[in-house]
């Protein structure tokens, strides 16, 4: 594999990471819209399944920031490496 081939492959990896971030952001926007509406309907419920669902949603929401940062870090670090190749 030549340096040009490697740079092209790294460029594709960077674009994949950016596309992953865009897909994640779209999914988050959709999930926030739906869960907000559902939360309004189920507010105050003490049903065990509702409580478990709220807990799962909170856990998922806690992963949003770190996952975004991972996508961004991959794109940045691979981009830095690609730049170093000349």
C-alpha atoms as a PDB file:
ATOM      1  CA  UNK A   1       0.000   0.000   0.000  1.00  0.00           C
ATOM      2  CA  UNK A   2       1.382   3.378  -0.981  1.00  0.00           C
ATOM      3  CA  UNK A   3       1.254   6.537   1.135  1.00  0.00           C
ATOM      4  CA  UNK A   4      -1.396   7.890  -1.239  1.00  0.00           C
ATOM      5  CA  UNK A   5      -3.483   4.744  -0.716  1.00  0.00           C
ATOM      6  CA  UNK A   6      -3.055   5.021   3.037  1.00  0.00           C
ATOM      7  CA  UNK A   7      -4.078   8.689   3.001  1.00  0.00           C
ATOM      8  CA  UNK A   8      -7.157   7.845   0.934  1.00  0.00           C
ATOM      9  CA  UNK A   9      -8.095   5.095   3.377  1.00  0.00           C
ATOM     10  CA  UNK A  10      -7.605   7.437   6.324  1.00  0.00           C
ATOM     11  CA  UNK A  11      -9.711  10.067   4.555  1.00  0.00           C
ATOM     12  CA  UNK A  12     -12.494   7.507   4.213  1.00  0.00           C
ATOM     13  CA  UNK A  13     -12.180   6.667   7.908  1.00  0.00           C
ATOM     14  CA  UNK A  14     -12.477  10.337   8.822  1.00  0.00           C
ATOM     15  CA  UNK A  15     -15.589  10.698   6.675  1.00  0.00           C
ATOM     16  CA  UNK A  16     -17.073   7.565   8.259  1.00  0.00           C
ATOM     17  CA  UNK A  17     -16.510   9.005  11.732  1.00  0.00           C
ATOM     18  CA  UNK A  18     -18.129  12.288  10.701  1.00  0.00           C
ATOM     19  CA  UNK A  19     -21.053  10.451   9.129  1.00  0.00           C
ATOM     20  CA  UNK A  20     -21.416   8.401  12.308  1.00  0.00           C
ATOM     21  CA  UNK A  21     -21.581  11.604  14.340  1.00  0.00           C
ATOM     22  CA  UNK A  22     -24.234  13.066  12.014  1.00  0.00           C
ATOM     23  CA  UNK A  23     -26.281   9.858  12.216  1.00  0.00           C
ATOM     24  CA  UNK A  24     -25.984   9.831  16.002  1.00  0.00           C
ATOM     25  CA  UNK A  25     -27.101  13.455  16.181  1.00  0.00           C
ATOM     26  CA  UNK A  26     -30.161  12.751  14.013  1.00  0.00           C
ATOM     27  CA  UNK A  27     -31.076   9.722  16.129  1.00  0.00           C
ATOM     28  CA  UNK A  28     -30.672  11.743  19.313  1.00  0.00           C
ATOM     29  CA  UNK A  29     -32.908  14.521  18.005  1.00  0.00           C
ATOM     30  CA  UNK A  30     -35.616  12.029  17.083  1.00  0.00           C
ATOM     31  CA  UNK A  31     -35.317  10.158  20.379  1.00  0.00           C
ATOM     32  CA  UNK A  32     -35.465  13.380  22.410  1.00  0.00           C
ATOM     33  CA  UNK A  33     -38.607  14.464  20.605  1.00  0.00           C
ATOM     34  CA  UNK A  34     -40.397  11.176  21.178  1.00  0.00           C
ATOM     35  CA  UNK A  35     -39.209  10.607  24.735  1.00  0.00           C
ATOM     36  CA  UNK A  36     -40.222  14.134  25.691  1.00  0.00           C
ATOM     37  CA  UNK A  37     -43.760  13.486  24.540  1.00  0.00           C
ATOM     38  CA  UNK A  38     -43.872  10.095  26.266  1.00  0.00           C
ATOM     39  CA  UNK A  39     -42.440  11.544  29.474  1.00  0.00           C
ATOM     40  CA  UNK A  40     -45.268  14.090  29.553  1.00  0.00           C
ATOM     41  CA  UNK A  41     -47.851  11.341  29.223  1.00  0.00           C
ATOM     42  CA  UNK A  42     -46.252   9.061  31.811  1.00  0.00           C
ATOM     43  CA  UNK A  43     -45.212  11.741  34.310  1.00  0.00           C
ATOM     44  CA  UNK A  44     -45.856  10.638  37.861  1.00  0.00           C
ATOM     45  CA  UNK A  45     -46.411   6.991  36.982  1.00  0.00           C
ATOM     46  CA  UNK A  46     -45.005   4.500  39.469  1.00  0.00           C
ATOM     47  CA  UNK A  47     -45.545   1.467  37.266  1.00  0.00           C
ATOM     48  CA  UNK A  48     -42.427  -0.721  37.387  1.00  0.00           C
ATOM     49  CA  UNK A  49     -42.039  -0.817  33.607  1.00  0.00           C
ATOM     50  CA  UNK A  50     -42.280   2.972  33.345  1.00  0.00           C
ATOM     51  CA  UNK A  51     -39.627   3.358  36.043  1.00  0.00           C
ATOM     52  CA  UNK A  52     -37.330   0.866  34.249  1.00  0.00           C
ATOM     53  CA  UNK A  53     -37.874   2.702  30.966  1.00  0.00           C
ATOM     54  CA  UNK A  54     -37.014   6.064  32.522  1.00  0.00           C
ATOM     55  CA  UNK A  55     -33.882   4.518  33.998  1.00  0.00           C
ATOM     56  CA  UNK A  56     -32.840   3.062  30.633  1.00  0.00           C
ATOM     57  CA  UNK A  57     -33.447   6.397  28.900  1.00  0.00           C
ATOM     58  CA  UNK A  58     -31.382   8.226  31.510  1.00  0.00           C
ATOM     59  CA  UNK A  59     -28.552   5.732  31.063  1.00  0.00           C
ATOM     60  CA  UNK A  60     -28.670   6.158  27.298  1.00  0.00           C
ATOM     61  CA  UNK A  61     -28.714   9.936  27.631  1.00  0.00           C
ATOM     62  CA  UNK A  62     -25.619   9.783  29.838  1.00  0.00           C
ATOM     63  CA  UNK A  63     -23.744   8.130  26.957  1.00  0.00           C
ATOM     64  CA  UNK A  64     -24.606  10.793  24.388  1.00  0.00           C
ATOM     65  CA  UNK A  65     -21.818  13.224  25.251  1.00  0.00           C
ATOM     66  CA  UNK A  66     -19.067  10.611  25.523  1.00  0.00           C
ATOM     67  CA  UNK A  67     -20.143   8.985  22.255  1.00  0.00           C
ATOM     68  CA  UNK A  68     -20.115  12.323  20.425  1.00  0.00           C
ATOM     69  CA  UNK A  69     -16.641  13.010  21.806  1.00  0.00           C
ATOM     70  CA  UNK A  70     -15.439   9.593  20.616  1.00  0.00           C
ATOM     71  CA  UNK A  71     -16.599  10.239  17.056  1.00  0.00           C
ATOM     72  CA  UNK A  72     -14.949  13.668  17.105  1.00  0.00           C
ATOM     73  CA  UNK A  73     -11.726  12.307  18.613  1.00  0.00           C
ATOM     74  CA  UNK A  74     -11.448   9.611  15.948  1.00  0.00           C
ATOM     75  CA  UNK A  75     -11.870  12.154  13.162  1.00  0.00           C
ATOM     76  CA  UNK A  76      -9.382  14.533  14.788  1.00  0.00           C
ATOM     77  CA  UNK A  77      -6.706  11.954  15.595  1.00  0.00           C
ATOM     78  CA  UNK A  78      -6.914  10.228  12.230  1.00  0.00           C
ATOM     79  CA  UNK A  79      -6.849  13.638  10.543  1.00  0.00           C
ATOM     80  CA  UNK A  80      -3.725  14.581  12.505  1.00  0.00           C
ATOM     81  CA  UNK A  81      -2.032  11.312  11.529  1.00  0.00           C
ATOM     82  CA  UNK A  82      -3.018  11.790   7.907  1.00  0.00           C
ATOM     83  CA  UNK A  83      -1.562  15.327   7.959  1.00  0.00           C
ATOM     84  CA  UNK A  84       1.708  14.013   9.331  1.00  0.00           C
ATOM     85  CA  UNK A  85       2.021  11.737   6.327  1.00  0.00           C
ATOM     86  CA  UNK A  86       2.479  14.801   4.152  1.00  0.00           C
END
